[in-house]
Amino acid sequence: LVVNVDLVNVPQLRQKQYLELETIVVQDETKWLEEIRSTVLIETKKDRGILIICENIAHANILADLLKSQHRSTAIKLYTMNNMNQEKHVEKILPSEIIIATNLAGRGTDIRTDDIEEFGGLHVVLTFMPNNQR
């Protein structure tokens, strides 16, 4: 039994800077690739870091090949398996770098964004419609 308990609302230390943009839905793979390519180009010109989350390894590889033809290959980091070798390459993101990860491999991975905060932080591109909202 709990009696005479005060409720205190403790504010967050700093305000979240999360901004959700309008969802883009396309009907075919060509338009899907073009939307992702153009978004990445716009955001890398601002020196933002980009995290692209793919549904599977095949889509991650397709996007990596597409983006490597338009960006320096060292700026693109592929993270499709939960292993230490790949994970150490995505622990930190620099301006204009692009991390392409699968939903499963990227889950629980911490990415340090200190070097891109002044440019607007991390731009996240979710390339598929998830089955749940997690």
Protein backbone atom coordinates (compact mmCIF):
# COMPACT_ATOMS: atom_id res chain seq x y z
CA LEU A 1 0.00 0.00 0.00
CA VAL A 2 1.45 3.39 -1.05
CA VAL A 3 -0.03 6.57 0.37
CA ASN A 4 0.84 10.29 -0.03
CA VAL A 5 3.37 9.90 -2.82
CA ASP A 6 4.25 12.94 -4.91
CA LEU A 7 4.73 12.58 -8.64
CA VAL A 8 7.65 14.44 -10.16
CA ASN A 9 8.16 14.89 -13.88
CA VAL A 10 11.90 15.14 -14.56
CA PRO A 11 12.62 16.84 -17.90
CA GLN A 12 15.18 15.41 -20.31
CA LEU A 13 18.70 16.77 -20.06
CA ARG A 14 18.51 18.07 -23.61
CA GLN A 15 15.72 18.31 -26.13
CA LYS A 16 15.59 15.62 -28.82
CA GLN A 17 16.51 16.86 -32.27
CA TYR A 18 14.63 14.12 -34.09
CA LEU A 19 12.74 15.30 -37.15
CA GLU A 20 10.66 12.85 -39.16
CA LEU A 21 10.31 13.81 -42.80
CA GLU A 22 7.41 12.91 -45.06
CA THR A 23 7.33 9.25 -46.04
CA ILE A 24 8.05 8.52 -49.70
CA VAL A 25 6.47 5.42 -51.23
CA VAL A 26 7.31 4.34 -54.78
CA GLN A 27 5.97 1.56 -56.97
CA ASP A 28 9.08 0.07 -58.57
CA GLU A 29 12.75 -0.60 -57.89
CA THR A 30 14.05 1.99 -60.35
CA LYS A 31 12.16 4.81 -58.62
CA TRP A 32 13.13 3.37 -55.22
CA LEU A 33 16.83 3.50 -56.11
CA GLU A 34 16.50 7.01 -57.56
CA GLU A 35 14.78 8.40 -54.44
CA ILE A 36 17.48 6.96 -52.19
CA ARG A 37 20.28 8.13 -54.50
CA SER A 38 18.96 11.69 -54.69
CA THR A 39 18.34 11.90 -50.92
CA VAL A 40 21.87 10.71 -50.19
CA LEU A 41 23.32 13.21 -52.67
CA ILE A 42 21.42 16.12 -51.11
CA GLU A 43 22.39 15.21 -47.55
CA THR A 44 26.06 14.45 -48.26
CA LYS A 45 26.40 17.86 -49.92
CA LYS A 46 25.43 19.27 -46.50
CA ASP A 47 28.22 17.13 -44.94
CA ARG A 48 25.71 15.10 -42.96
CA GLY A 49 26.37 11.47 -42.18
CA ILE A 50 23.86 9.04 -43.66
CA LEU A 51 22.58 5.76 -42.24
CA ILE A 52 20.69 3.68 -44.79
CA ILE A 53 18.74 0.80 -43.24
CA CYS A 54 17.88 -2.02 -45.65
CA GLU A 55 15.56 -4.97 -45.25
CA ASN A 56 18.14 -7.52 -46.40
CA ILE A 57 21.73 -8.04 -47.55
CA ALA A 58 20.79 -8.11 -51.24
CA HIS A 59 19.26 -4.62 -51.08
CA ALA A 60 22.24 -3.35 -49.07
CA ASN A 61 24.63 -4.63 -51.74
CA ILE A 62 22.57 -3.10 -54.57
CA LEU A 63 22.61 0.29 -52.84
CA ALA A 64 26.32 0.04 -52.04
CA ASP A 65 27.12 -0.64 -55.71
CA LEU A 66 24.93 2.25 -56.85
CA LEU A 67 26.36 4.74 -54.37
CA LYS A 68 29.99 3.68 -54.92
CA SER A 69 29.61 4.82 -58.52
CA GLN A 70 28.77 8.35 -57.30
CA HIS A 71 30.72 8.75 -54.04
CA ARG A 72 34.27 7.91 -53.01
CA SER A 73 34.35 4.26 -52.04
CA THR A 74 36.01 4.98 -48.67
CA ALA A 75 32.94 7.05 -47.69
CA ILE A 76 30.65 4.03 -47.95
CA LYS A 77 30.60 1.49 -45.14
CA LEU A 78 28.64 -1.72 -45.52
CA TYR A 79 27.35 -3.33 -42.31
CA THR A 80 25.38 -6.46 -43.11
CA MET A 81 26.61 -8.96 -40.51
CA ASN A 82 26.92 -8.78 -36.75
CA ASN A 83 30.67 -9.29 -36.50
CA MET A 84 33.40 -7.24 -34.89
CA ASN A 85 35.27 -6.66 -38.15
CA GLN A 86 32.36 -4.80 -39.74
CA GLU A 87 31.17 -3.21 -36.50
CA LYS A 88 34.46 -1.43 -35.81
CA HIS A 89 34.08 0.42 -39.14
CA VAL A 90 30.70 1.87 -38.17
CA GLU A 91 31.37 2.92 -34.57
CA LYS A 92 31.95 6.51 -35.72
CA ILE A 93 30.63 8.44 -38.70
CA LEU A 94 32.34 11.42 -40.32
CA PRO A 95 30.91 14.18 -42.54
CA SER A 96 29.54 12.84 -45.85
CA GLU A 97 30.08 9.21 -44.87
CA ILE A 98 27.38 6.67 -45.68
CA ILE A 99 26.66 3.57 -43.61
CA ILE A 100 24.52 0.97 -45.35
CA ALA A 101 23.21 -1.59 -42.87
CA THR A 102 20.65 -4.32 -42.72
CA ASN A 103 17.92 -3.98 -40.15
CA LEU A 104 19.22 -6.96 -38.15
CA ALA A 105 22.93 -6.14 -38.31
CA GLY A 106 22.41 -2.53 -37.30
CA ARG A 107 20.12 -3.26 -34.37
CA GLY A 108 21.75 -2.24 -31.11
CA THR A 109 24.81 -0.69 -32.77
CA ASP A 110 25.94 2.61 -31.29
CA ILE A 111 27.29 5.10 -33.82
CA ARG A 112 29.20 8.10 -32.50
CA THR A 113 28.02 11.21 -34.34
CA ASP A 114 30.16 13.89 -32.65
CA ASP A 115 31.85 14.90 -35.92
CA ILE A 116 28.58 15.48 -37.81
CA GLU A 117 26.44 17.21 -35.18
CA GLU A 118 27.38 20.67 -36.47
CA PHE A 119 26.11 19.69 -39.94
CA GLY A 120 22.69 18.53 -38.75
CA GLY A 121 23.58 15.12 -37.34
CA LEU A 122 22.74 11.72 -38.75
CA HIS A 123 20.24 11.46 -41.61
CA VAL A 124 18.52 8.06 -41.48
CA VAL A 125 16.95 6.50 -44.57
CA LEU A 126 14.66 3.55 -43.90
CA THR A 127 14.38 1.83 -47.28
CA PHE A 128 11.48 -0.50 -46.57
CA MET A 129 8.14 -0.64 -44.80
CA PRO A 130 8.73 -2.50 -41.51
CA ASN A 131 6.19 -4.98 -40.18
CA ASN A 132 6.11 -3.20 -36.82
CA GLN A 133 6.90 0.27 -35.46
CA ARG A 134 9.94 -0.69 -33.41
